[in-house]
Amino acid sequence: MASTSLLKASPVLDKSEWVKGQSVLFRQPSSASVVLPNRATSLTVRAASSYADELVKTAGLVPLVGSNNESWCQGLDGLSSRTAAYYQQGARFAKWRTVVSIPNGPSALAVKEAAWGLARYAAISQDSGLVPIVEPEILLDGEHDIDRTYEVAEKVWAEVFFYLAQNNVMFEGILLKPSMVTPGAESKDRATPEQVAAYTLKLLRNRIPPAFLSGGQSELEATLNLNAMNQAPNPWHVSFSYARALQNTCLKTWGGRAENVNAAQTTLLARAKANSLAQLGKYTGEGESEEAKEGMFVKGYTY
């Protein structure tokens, strides 16, 4: 899944170069399959086949009429037939990302639309035999403090799980991939990893095992925050599902040049090992590069 962001991060955006980028991240063809049904581009990775068998256009995030300049995610029309086809091609997991913006409200309409869309997608995916990754992302944009993020996330998650239940989604058959509870990227009140862990774990007390997205944090921040959560008492194995927080330094090292592939793979392996230790609560932060400390937040970023 991480390699899809090469479409954004690589200086070369044509499909042939994107496929080359796959080999930077993974040397051998994968036997696992995933489908990402709602991005600006959708990818099906077929078992033991190439990494870009199928690249198709979908609607993705579009303006939500009647809201505070917010977005909603199109793509439910025809999803049942698409997920059934993806299952036949070898996919076993599905991913659907929707976003909520704190500076723009969020409006009750936007929260409800996001929650309902995620619930319908999850129900359709499960009906097709896929495990849905449910991703209600609270965007980092804004000057708000961590308490405001917690307040909004609490409402969003409540709506998501209400509509998941309304749609008869099996909670034990989904993966929750939420944002960590952090201050806005432009907040003057920064939070320590221990504070992020405390707020996020508090929000998770009656939720299912999650795998977190990095959401524009620096590589180092995402790893430190994950590590702090796993060092704190909690009933879950708290894992990760990072894109930029695994790829950023790797992609900069690669730069689209064949002679940099080995160095880029070494960098990727180092980040993977760091987060592997963090999900055990054993990460120390020793030996991190300056690049890993660079923030990746982009105001108003769109996929």
C-alpha atoms as a PDB file:
ATOM      1  CA  MET A   1       0.000   0.000   0.000  1.00  0.00           C
ATOM      2  CA  ALA A   2       2.814   2.383   0.833  1.00  0.00           C
ATOM      3  CA  SER A   3       4.095   2.462  -2.728  1.00  0.00           C
ATOM      4  CA  THR A   4       0.970   4.109  -4.149  1.00  0.00           C
ATOM      5  CA  SER A   5       2.213   7.475  -2.931  1.00  0.00           C
ATOM      6  CA  LEU A   6       5.015   7.287  -5.493  1.00  0.00           C
ATOM      7  CA  LEU A   7       2.444   8.801  -7.823  1.00  0.00           C
ATOM      8  CA  LYS A   8       2.639  11.946  -5.705  1.00  0.00           C
ATOM      9  CA  ALA A   9       6.175  11.882  -4.391  1.00  0.00           C
ATOM     10  CA  SER A  10       8.237  10.794  -7.369  1.00  0.00           C
ATOM     11  CA  PRO A  11       9.548  13.437  -9.780  1.00  0.00           C
ATOM     12  CA  VAL A  12       8.525  11.123 -12.628  1.00  0.00           C
ATOM     13  CA  LEU A  13       4.803  10.363 -12.781  1.00  0.00           C
ATOM     14  CA  ASP A  14       4.267   8.145 -15.811  1.00  0.00           C
ATOM     15  CA  LYS A  15       3.159   4.555 -15.231  1.00  0.00           C
ATOM     16  CA  SER A  16       6.406   2.922 -16.327  1.00  0.00           C
ATOM     17  CA  GLU A  17       8.398   4.885 -13.760  1.00  0.00           C
ATOM     18  CA  TRP A  18       5.754   4.159 -11.099  1.00  0.00           C
ATOM     19  CA  VAL A  19       6.224   0.450 -11.716  1.00  0.00           C
ATOM     20  CA  LYS A  20      10.001   0.914 -11.386  1.00  0.00           C
ATOM     21  CA  GLY A  21       9.360   2.570  -8.033  1.00  0.00           C
ATOM     22  CA  GLN A  22       7.566  -0.559  -6.888  1.00  0.00           C
ATOM     23  CA  SER A  23      10.813  -2.496  -7.232  1.00  0.00           C
ATOM     24  CA  VAL A  24      12.507  -0.023  -4.890  1.00  0.00           C
ATOM     25  CA  LEU A  25      10.066  -0.965  -2.160  1.00  0.00           C
ATOM     26  CA  PHE A  26       9.628  -4.658  -2.946  1.00  0.00           C
ATOM     27  CA  ARG A  27      12.136  -6.746  -4.889  1.00  0.00           C
ATOM     28  CA  GLN A  28       9.920  -9.792  -5.458  1.00  0.00           C
ATOM     29  CA  PRO A  29       6.321 -10.023  -6.717  1.00  0.00           C
ATOM     30  CA  SER A  30       3.870 -10.083  -3.830  1.00  0.00           C
ATOM     31  CA  SER A  31       1.477 -12.889  -3.097  1.00  0.00           C
ATOM     32  CA  ALA A  32      -0.781 -10.563  -1.106  1.00  0.00           C
ATOM     33  CA  SER A  33      -3.415  -8.425  -2.739  1.00  0.00           C
ATOM     34  CA  VAL A  34      -5.080  -5.163  -1.792  1.00  0.00           C
ATOM     35  CA  VAL A  35      -7.570  -2.874  -3.463  1.00  0.00           C
ATOM     36  CA  LEU A  36      -7.769   0.857  -2.877  1.00  0.00           C
ATOM     37  CA  PRO A  37     -11.230   1.813  -4.156  1.00  0.00           C
ATOM     38  CA  ASN A  38     -11.510   5.531  -3.491  1.00  0.00           C
ATOM     39  CA  ARG A  39      -8.267   7.353  -4.293  1.00  0.00           C
ATOM     40  CA  ALA A  40      -7.858   9.628  -7.270  1.00  0.00           C
ATOM     41  CA  THR A  41      -6.422   6.479  -8.779  1.00  0.00           C
ATOM     42  CA  SER A  42      -7.344   2.965  -7.754  1.00  0.00           C
ATOM     43  CA  LEU A  43      -4.895   0.100  -7.726  1.00  0.00           C
ATOM     44  CA  THR A  44      -5.466  -3.626  -7.854  1.00  0.00           C
ATOM     45  CA  VAL A  45      -2.362  -5.692  -7.081  1.00  0.00           C
ATOM     46  CA  ARG A  46      -2.867  -9.210  -8.376  1.00  0.00           C
ATOM     47  CA  ALA A  47      -1.370 -12.189  -6.608  1.00  0.00           C
ATOM     48  CA  ALA A  48       2.061 -13.228  -7.929  1.00  0.00           C
ATOM     49  CA  SER A  49       1.737 -10.740 -10.772  1.00  0.00           C
ATOM     50  CA  SER A  50       2.991  -7.240 -11.580  1.00  0.00           C
ATOM     51  CA  TYR A  51       2.448  -4.377  -9.173  1.00  0.00           C
ATOM     52  CA  ALA A  52       0.380  -2.331 -11.605  1.00  0.00           C
ATOM     53  CA  ASP A  53      -1.915  -4.705 -13.454  1.00  0.00           C
ATOM     54  CA  GLU A  54      -4.769  -2.274 -13.306  1.00  0.00           C
ATOM     55  CA  LEU A  55      -4.878   1.482 -12.793  1.00  0.00           C
ATOM     56  CA  VAL A  56      -8.360   2.947 -13.085  1.00  0.00           C
ATOM     57  CA  LYS A  57      -9.951   6.320 -12.488  1.00  0.00           C
ATOM     58  CA  THR A  58     -12.507   6.780  -9.717  1.00  0.00           C
ATOM     59  CA  ALA A  59     -14.229   9.858  -8.360  1.00  0.00           C
ATOM     60  CA  GLY A  60     -12.543  10.119  -4.945  1.00  0.00           C
ATOM     61  CA  LEU A  61     -12.919  13.229  -2.788  1.00  0.00           C
ATOM     62  CA  VAL A  62     -15.195  15.914  -4.234  1.00  0.00           C
ATOM     63  CA  PRO A  63     -16.811  19.095  -2.818  1.00  0.00           C
ATOM     64  CA  LEU A  64     -19.761  18.457  -0.484  1.00  0.00           C
ATOM     65  CA  VAL A  65     -22.600  20.759  -1.496  1.00  0.00           C
ATOM     66  CA  GLY A  66     -24.222  22.486   1.485  1.00  0.00           C
ATOM     67  CA  SER A  67     -21.177  22.172   3.731  1.00  0.00           C
ATOM     68  CA  ASN A  68     -18.438  24.539   4.926  1.00  0.00           C
ATOM     69  CA  ASN A  69     -16.241  23.989   1.861  1.00  0.00           C
ATOM     70  CA  GLU A  70     -15.781  20.355   2.916  1.00  0.00           C
ATOM     71  CA  SER A  71     -15.396  17.151   0.919  1.00  0.00           C
ATOM     72  CA  TRP A  72     -17.063  13.783   0.612  1.00  0.00           C
ATOM     73  CA  CYS A  73     -15.910  10.606  -1.047  1.00  0.00           C
ATOM     74  CA  GLN A  74     -17.707   9.307  -4.119  1.00  0.00           C
ATOM     75  CA  GLY A  75     -17.350   5.755  -5.350  1.00  0.00           C
ATOM     76  CA  LEU A  76     -20.191   3.697  -3.851  1.00  0.00           C
ATOM     77  CA  ASP A  77     -21.986   3.347  -7.185  1.00  0.00           C
ATOM     78  CA  GLY A  78     -20.992   0.033  -8.693  1.00  0.00           C
ATOM     79  CA  LEU A  79     -18.725  -0.805  -5.744  1.00  0.00           C
ATOM     80  CA  SER A  80     -20.378  -4.173  -5.178  1.00  0.00           C
ATOM     81  CA  SER A  81     -19.515  -5.453  -8.640  1.00  0.00           C
ATOM     82  CA  ARG A  82     -15.997  -3.981  -8.437  1.00  0.00           C
ATOM     83  CA  THR A  83     -15.207  -5.545  -5.065  1.00  0.00           C
ATOM     84  CA  ALA A  84     -16.526  -8.904  -6.274  1.00  0.00           C
ATOM     85  CA  ALA A  85     -14.212  -8.664  -9.288  1.00  0.00           C
ATOM     86  CA  TYR A  86     -11.258  -7.627  -7.112  1.00  0.00           C
ATOM     87  CA  TYR A  87     -11.844 -10.666  -4.882  1.00  0.00           C
ATOM     88  CA  GLN A  88     -11.731 -12.931  -7.922  1.00  0.00           C
ATOM     89  CA  GLN A  89      -8.446 -11.292  -8.936  1.00  0.00           C
ATOM     90  CA  GLY A  90      -6.943 -12.192  -5.555  1.00  0.00           C
ATOM     91  CA  ALA A  91      -7.611  -9.140  -3.366  1.00  0.00           C
ATOM     92  CA  ARG A  92      -8.473  -9.813   0.275  1.00  0.00           C
ATOM     93  CA  PHE A  93      -8.357  -6.345   1.820  1.00  0.00           C
ATOM     94  CA  ALA A  94     -10.010  -3.077   0.788  1.00  0.00           C
ATOM     95  CA  LYS A  95      -9.120   0.505   1.725  1.00  0.00           C
ATOM     96  CA  TRP A  96     -11.369   3.566   1.705  1.00  0.00           C
ATOM     97  CA  ARG A  97     -10.139   6.922   2.947  1.00  0.00           C
ATOM     98  CA  THR A  98     -12.388   9.812   3.874  1.00  0.00           C
ATOM     99  CA  VAL A  99     -11.411  13.047   5.617  1.00  0.00           C
ATOM    100  CA  VAL A 100     -12.813  15.516   8.147  1.00  0.00           C
ATOM    101  CA  SER A 101     -11.466  19.073   8.387  1.00  0.00           C
ATOM    102  CA  ILE A 102     -11.446  20.828  11.767  1.00  0.00           C
ATOM    103  CA  PRO A 103     -10.872  24.411  10.466  1.00  0.00           C
ATOM    104  CA  ASN A 104     -13.941  24.009   8.245  1.00  0.00           C
ATOM    105  CA  GLY A 105     -16.172  22.982  11.110  1.00  0.00           C
ATOM    106  CA  PRO A 106     -16.508  20.161  10.823  1.00  0.00           C
ATOM    107  CA  SER A 107     -20.170  20.410   9.909  1.00  0.00           C
ATOM    108  CA  ALA A 108     -22.626  17.768  11.069  1.00  0.00           C
ATOM    109  CA  LEU A 109     -23.366  17.081   7.401  1.00  0.00           C
ATOM    110  CA  ALA A 110     -19.712  16.340   6.588  1.00  0.00           C
ATOM    111  CA  VAL A 111     -19.275  14.057   9.612  1.00  0.00           C
ATOM    112  CA  LYS A 112     -22.447  12.123   8.801  1.00  0.00           C
ATOM    113  CA  GLU A 113     -21.533  11.794   5.120  1.00  0.00           C
ATOM    114  CA  ALA A 114     -18.046  10.541   5.972  1.00  0.00           C
ATOM    115  CA  ALA A 115     -19.360   8.020   8.490  1.00  0.00           C
ATOM    116  CA  TRP A 116     -22.149   6.757   6.246  1.00  0.00           C
ATOM    117  CA  GLY A 117     -19.826   6.343   3.268  1.00  0.00           C
ATOM    118  CA  LEU A 118     -17.312   4.366   5.301  1.00  0.00           C
ATOM    119  CA  ALA A 119     -20.068   2.142   6.681  1.00  0.00           C
ATOM    120  CA  ARG A 120     -21.594   1.386   3.274  1.00  0.00           C
ATOM    121  CA  TYR A 121     -18.160   0.666   1.804  1.00  0.00           C
ATOM    122  CA  ALA A 122     -17.349  -1.664   4.720  1.00  0.00           C
ATOM    123  CA  ALA A 123     -20.613  -3.566   4.386  1.00  0.00           C
ATOM    124  CA  ILE A 124     -20.209  -3.966   0.617  1.00  0.00           C
ATOM    125  CA  SER A 125     -16.592  -5.075   0.992  1.00  0.00           C
ATOM    126  CA  GLN A 126     -17.439  -7.695   3.591  1.00  0.00           C
ATOM    127  CA  ASP A 127     -20.277  -8.959   1.417  1.00  0.00           C
ATOM    128  CA  SER A 128     -17.693  -9.538  -1.333  1.00  0.00           C
ATOM    129  CA  GLY A 129     -15.356 -11.394   1.041  1.00  0.00           C
ATOM    130  CA  LEU A 130     -12.904  -8.529   1.580  1.00  0.00           C
ATOM    131  CA  VAL A 131     -11.644  -7.166   4.907  1.00  0.00           C
ATOM    132  CA  PRO A 132     -12.359  -3.400   4.855  1.00  0.00           C
ATOM    133  CA  ILE A 133      -9.762  -0.988   6.236  1.00  0.00           C
ATOM    134  CA  VAL A 134     -11.903   1.803   7.729  1.00  0.00           C
ATOM    135  CA  GLU A 135     -10.001   5.106   7.627  1.00  0.00           C
ATOM    136  CA  PRO A 136     -11.729   8.143   9.201  1.00  0.00           C
ATOM    137  CA  GLU A 137      -8.927  10.714   8.898  1.00  0.00           C
ATOM    138  CA  ILE A 138      -8.984  13.933  10.919  1.00  0.00           C
ATOM    139  CA  LEU A 139      -6.801  16.256   8.837  1.00  0.00           C
ATOM    140  CA  LEU A 140      -3.803  17.945  10.481  1.00  0.00           C
ATOM    141  CA  ASP A 141      -4.706  21.323   8.977  1.00  0.00           C
ATOM    142  CA  GLY A 142      -5.355  24.031  11.570  1.00  0.00           C
ATOM    143  CA  GLU A 143      -4.143  25.885  14.656  1.00  0.00           C
ATOM    144  CA  HIS A 144      -6.306  23.931  17.127  1.00  0.00           C
ATOM    145  CA  ASP A 145      -4.924  22.211  20.222  1.00  0.00           C
ATOM    146  CA  ILE A 146      -5.012  18.515  21.040  1.00  0.00           C
ATOM    147  CA  ASP A 147      -8.217  18.870  23.089  1.00  0.00           C
ATOM    148  CA  ARG A 148     -10.081  20.159  20.030  1.00  0.00           C
ATOM    149  CA  THR A 149      -8.792  17.247  17.950  1.00  0.00           C
ATOM    150  CA  TYR A 150      -9.979  14.843  20.638  1.00  0.00           C
ATOM    151  CA  GLU A 151     -13.417  16.482  20.720  1.00  0.00           C
ATOM    152  CA  VAL A 152     -13.852  16.186  16.955  1.00  0.00           C
ATOM    153  CA  ALA A 153     -12.400  12.669  16.721  1.00  0.00           C
ATOM    154  CA  GLU A 154     -14.763  11.493  19.467  1.00  0.00           C
ATOM    155  CA  LYS A 155     -17.765  12.697  17.446  1.00  0.00           C
ATOM    156  CA  VAL A 156     -16.464  11.286  14.172  1.00  0.00           C
ATOM    157  CA  TRP A 157     -15.681   7.852  15.602  1.00  0.00           C
ATOM    158  CA  ALA A 158     -19.069   7.719  17.331  1.00  0.00           C
ATOM    159  CA  GLU A 159     -20.792   8.397  14.006  1.00  0.00           C
ATOM    160  CA  VAL A 160     -18.640   5.879  12.166  1.00  0.00           C
ATOM    161  CA  PHE A 161     -19.354   3.057  14.588  1.00  0.00           C
ATOM    162  CA  PHE A 162     -23.054   3.954  14.778  1.00  0.00           C
ATOM    163  CA  TYR A 163     -23.421   3.602  11.024  1.00  0.00           C
ATOM    164  CA  LEU A 164     -21.196   0.522  10.901  1.00  0.00           C
ATOM    165  CA  ALA A 165     -23.683  -1.097  13.291  1.00  0.00           C
ATOM    166  CA  GLN A 166     -26.648   0.197  11.277  1.00  0.00           C
ATOM    167  CA  ASN A 167     -25.190  -1.491   8.196  1.00  0.00           C
ATOM    168  CA  ASN A 168     -24.596  -4.786  10.033  1.00  0.00           C
ATOM    169  CA  VAL A 169     -20.829  -4.612   9.587  1.00  0.00           C
ATOM    170  CA  MET A 170     -18.943  -7.234  11.595  1.00  0.00           C
ATOM    171  CA  PHE A 171     -16.568  -5.269  13.827  1.00  0.00           C
ATOM    172  CA  GLU A 172     -14.297  -8.295  14.177  1.00  0.00           C
ATOM    173  CA  GLY A 173     -13.961  -8.343  10.390  1.00  0.00           C
ATOM    174  CA  ILE A 174     -12.617  -4.801   9.868  1.00  0.00           C
ATOM    175  CA  LEU A 175      -9.357  -2.958  10.485  1.00  0.00           C
ATOM    176  CA  LEU A 176      -9.676   0.529  11.963  1.00  0.00           C
ATOM    177  CA  LYS A 177      -7.039   2.934  10.626  1.00  0.00           C
ATOM    178  CA  PRO A 178      -7.675   6.296  12.324  1.00  0.00           C
ATOM    179  CA  SER A 179      -5.532   9.365  12.773  1.00  0.00           C
ATOM    180  CA  MET A 180      -3.627   9.702  16.015  1.00  0.00           C
ATOM    181  CA  VAL A 181      -4.952  12.454  18.301  1.00  0.00           C
ATOM    182  CA  THR A 182      -2.491  15.322  17.789  1.00  0.00           C
ATOM    183  CA  PRO A 183      -2.687  19.123  17.766  1.00  0.00           C
ATOM    184  CA  GLY A 184      -3.195  20.900  14.448  1.00  0.00           C
ATOM    185  CA  ALA A 185      -0.042  21.237  12.376  1.00  0.00           C
ATOM    186  CA  GLU A 186      -0.010  25.010  12.947  1.00  0.00           C
ATOM    187  CA  SER A 187      -0.846  24.876  16.656  1.00  0.00           C
ATOM    188  CA  LYS A 188       1.411  26.773  19.043  1.00  0.00           C
ATOM    189  CA  ASP A 189       0.756  24.130  21.693  1.00  0.00           C
ATOM    190  CA  ARG A 190       2.807  21.114  20.666  1.00  0.00           C
ATOM    191  CA  ALA A 191       2.234  17.714  22.264  1.00  0.00           C
ATOM    192  CA  THR A 192       4.762  15.187  23.524  1.00  0.00           C
ATOM    193  CA  PRO A 193       4.620  11.555  22.367  1.00  0.00           C
ATOM    194  CA  GLU A 194       3.324  10.667  25.838  1.00  0.00           C
ATOM    195  CA  GLN A 195       0.447  13.164  25.497  1.00  0.00           C
ATOM    196  CA  VAL A 196      -0.420  11.900  22.008  1.00  0.00           C
ATOM    197  CA  ALA A 197      -0.413   8.350  23.351  1.00  0.00           C
ATOM    198  CA  ALA A 198      -2.593   9.237  26.348  1.00  0.00           C
ATOM    199  CA  TYR A 199      -5.213  11.088  24.281  1.00  0.00           C
ATOM    200  CA  THR A 200      -5.308   8.469  21.544  1.00  0.00           C
ATOM    201  CA  LEU A 201      -5.528   5.495  23.885  1.00  0.00           C
ATOM    202  CA  LYS A 202      -8.268   7.253  25.860  1.00  0.00           C
ATOM    203  CA  LEU A 203     -10.248   7.532  22.637  1.00  0.00           C
ATOM    204  CA  LEU A 204      -9.667   3.861  21.835  1.00  0.00           C
ATOM    205  CA  ARG A 205     -10.969   2.395  25.096  1.00  0.00           C
ATOM    206  CA  ASN A 206     -14.151   1.043  23.500  1.00  0.00           C
ATOM    207  CA  ARG A 207     -12.844   0.554  19.957  1.00  0.00           C
ATOM    208  CA  ILE A 208     -11.295  -2.296  18.008  1.00  0.00           C
ATOM    209  CA  PRO A 209      -7.555  -2.958  17.325  1.00  0.00           C
ATOM    210  CA  PRO A 210      -6.289  -0.166  15.045  1.00  0.00           C
ATOM    211  CA  ALA A 211      -3.453   0.320  12.596  1.00  0.00           C
ATOM    212  CA  PHE A 212      -2.539   4.010  12.520  1.00  0.00           C
ATOM    213  CA  LEU A 213      -1.834   6.263   9.569  1.00  0.00           C
ATOM    214  CA  SER A 214       0.919   8.834   9.941  1.00  0.00           C
ATOM    215  CA  GLY A 215      -1.166  11.735   8.631  1.00  0.00           C
ATOM    216  CA  GLY A 216       1.668  14.114   7.706  1.00  0.00           C
ATOM    217  CA  GLN A 217       3.778  13.698  10.829  1.00  0.00           C
ATOM    218  CA  SER A 218       7.510  13.421  10.342  1.00  0.00           C
ATOM    219  CA  GLU A 219       8.927   9.917  10.115  1.00  0.00           C
ATOM    220  CA  LEU A 220      10.436  10.315  13.575  1.00  0.00           C
ATOM    221  CA  GLU A 221       7.270  11.752  15.166  1.00  0.00           C
ATOM    222  CA  ALA A 222       5.107   8.941  13.799  1.00  0.00           C
ATOM    223  CA  THR A 223       7.494   6.324  15.183  1.00  0.00           C
ATOM    224  CA  LEU A 224       7.939   8.000  18.592  1.00  0.00           C
ATOM    225  CA  ASN A 225       4.177   8.429  19.062  1.00  0.00           C
ATOM    226  CA  LEU A 226       3.491   4.815  18.122  1.00  0.00           C
ATOM    227  CA  ASN A 227       6.221   3.664  20.507  1.00  0.00           C
ATOM    228  CA  ALA A 228       4.751   5.701  23.390  1.00  0.00           C
ATOM    229  CA  MET A 229       1.316   4.148  22.835  1.00  0.00           C
ATOM    230  CA  ASN A 230       2.770   0.653  23.065  1.00  0.00           C
ATOM    231  CA  GLN A 231       4.696   1.534  26.217  1.00  0.00           C
ATOM    232  CA  ALA A 232       1.513   2.751  27.912  1.00  0.00           C
ATOM    233  CA  PRO A 233      -0.919   0.238  29.485  1.00  0.00           C
ATOM    234  CA  ASN A 234      -3.550  -0.643  26.895  1.00  0.00           C
ATOM    235  CA  PRO A 235      -5.537  -3.733  25.878  1.00  0.00           C
ATOM    236  CA  TRP A 236      -4.475  -3.665  22.229  1.00  0.00           C
ATOM    237  CA  HIS A 237      -1.598  -4.433  19.987  1.00  0.00           C
ATOM    238  CA  VAL A 238      -1.336  -0.945  18.429  1.00  0.00           C
ATOM    239  CA  SER A 239       0.177  -1.203  14.962  1.00  0.00           C
ATOM    240  CA  PHE A 240       0.757   1.124  11.988  1.00  0.00           C
ATOM    241  CA  SER A 241      -0.123   1.533   8.327  1.00  0.00           C
ATOM    242  CA  TYR A 242       2.121   4.383   7.217  1.00  0.00           C
ATOM    243  CA  ALA A 243       2.688   5.775   3.741  1.00  0.00           C
ATOM    244  CA  ARG A 244       4.725   8.976   3.867  1.00  0.00           C
ATOM    245  CA  ALA A 245       6.248   8.089   7.251  1.00  0.00           C
ATOM    246  CA  LEU A 246       7.815   5.007   5.660  1.00  0.00           C
ATOM    247  CA  GLN A 247       8.558   6.368   2.199  1.00  0.00           C
ATOM    248  CA  ASN A 248       9.707   9.957   2.476  1.00  0.00           C
ATOM    249  CA  THR A 249      13.455   9.508   3.019  1.00  0.00           C
ATOM    250  CA  CYS A 250      13.444   6.395   0.825  1.00  0.00           C
ATOM    251  CA  LEU A 251      11.973   8.307  -2.124  1.00  0.00           C
ATOM    252  CA  LYS A 252      14.350  11.238  -1.660  1.00  0.00           C
ATOM    253  CA  THR A 253      17.280   8.815  -1.566  1.00  0.00           C
ATOM    254  CA  TRP A 254      16.074   7.015  -4.700  1.00  0.00           C
ATOM    255  CA  GLY A 255      15.303  10.170  -6.730  1.00  0.00           C
ATOM    256  CA  GLY A 256      14.250   8.068  -9.707  1.00  0.00           C
ATOM    257  CA  ARG A 257      17.826   6.890 -10.346  1.00  0.00           C
ATOM    258  CA  ALA A 258      18.701   3.214 -10.783  1.00  0.00           C
ATOM    259  CA  GLU A 259      22.091   3.661  -9.099  1.00  0.00           C
ATOM    260  CA  ASN A 260      20.313   4.765  -5.882  1.00  0.00           C
ATOM    261  CA  VAL A 261      18.040   1.721  -5.550  1.00  0.00           C
ATOM    262  CA  ASN A 262      20.189  -0.166  -3.036  1.00  0.00           C
ATOM    263  CA  ALA A 263      20.626   2.893  -0.816  1.00  0.00           C
ATOM    264  CA  ALA A 264      16.884   3.617  -0.979  1.00  0.00           C
ATOM    265  CA  GLN A 265      16.027   0.052  -0.004  1.00  0.00           C
ATOM    266  CA  THR A 266      18.429   0.251   2.935  1.00  0.00           C
ATOM    267  CA  THR A 267      16.691   3.436   4.073  1.00  0.00           C
ATOM    268  CA  LEU A 268      13.254   1.839   3.755  1.00  0.00           C
ATOM    269  CA  LEU A 269      14.392  -1.200   5.738  1.00  0.00           C
ATOM    270  CA  ALA A 270      15.692   1.058   8.522  1.00  0.00           C
ATOM    271  CA  ARG A 271      12.313   2.818   8.787  1.00  0.00           C
ATOM    272  CA  ALA A 272      10.436  -0.478   8.734  1.00  0.00           C
ATOM    273  CA  LYS A 273      12.646  -1.844  11.522  1.00  0.00           C
ATOM    274  CA  ALA A 274      12.157   1.323  13.587  1.00  0.00           C
ATOM    275  CA  ASN A 275       8.368   1.036  13.381  1.00  0.00           C
ATOM    276  CA  SER A 276       8.530  -2.698  13.998  1.00  0.00           C
ATOM    277  CA  LEU A 277      10.283  -1.927  17.286  1.00  0.00           C
ATOM    278  CA  ALA A 278       7.793   0.889  18.022  1.00  0.00           C
ATOM    279  CA  GLN A 279       4.813  -1.432  17.748  1.00  0.00           C
ATOM    280  CA  LEU A 280       6.517  -3.501  20.461  1.00  0.00           C
ATOM    281  CA  GLY A 281       7.284  -0.403  22.544  1.00  0.00           C
ATOM    282  CA  LYS A 282      11.042  -1.021  22.162  1.00  0.00           C
ATOM    283  CA  TYR A 283      12.078   1.872  19.882  1.00  0.00           C
ATOM    284  CA  THR A 284      14.866   4.115  21.238  1.00  0.00           C
ATOM    285  CA  GLY A 285      15.281   6.711  18.486  1.00  0.00           C
ATOM    286  CA  GLU A 286      19.027   6.185  18.315  1.00  0.00           C
ATOM    287  CA  GLY A 287      20.805   6.858  15.037  1.00  0.00           C
ATOM    288  CA  GLU A 288      17.937   8.652  13.304  1.00  0.00           C
ATOM    289  CA  SER A 289      18.852  10.851  10.343  1.00  0.00           C
ATOM    290  CA  GLU A 290      17.990  14.531  10.016  1.00  0.00           C
ATOM    291  CA  GLU A 291      15.708  13.639   7.092  1.00  0.00           C
ATOM    292  CA  ALA A 292      13.570  11.502   9.412  1.00  0.00           C
ATOM    293  CA  LYS A 293      12.910  14.568  11.566  1.00  0.00           C
ATOM    294  CA  GLU A 294      11.536  16.644   8.693  1.00  0.00           C
ATOM    295  CA  GLY A 295       7.806  17.310   8.900  1.00  0.00           C
ATOM    296  CA  MET A 296       5.681  16.185   5.939  1.00  0.00           C
ATOM    297  CA  PHE A 297       2.543  18.196   6.594  1.00  0.00           C
ATOM    298  CA  VAL A 298       1.277  20.013   3.497  1.00  0.00           C
ATOM    299  CA  LYS A 299      -1.543  22.486   4.147  1.00  0.00           C
ATOM    300  CA  GLY A 300      -4.640  21.625   2.132  1.00  0.00           C
ATOM    301  CA  TYR A 301      -2.984  18.466   0.764  1.00  0.00           C
ATOM    302  CA  THR A 302      -5.177  16.422  -1.580  1.00  0.00           C
ATOM    303  CA  TYR A 303      -4.699  12.941  -3.036  1.00  0.00           C
END
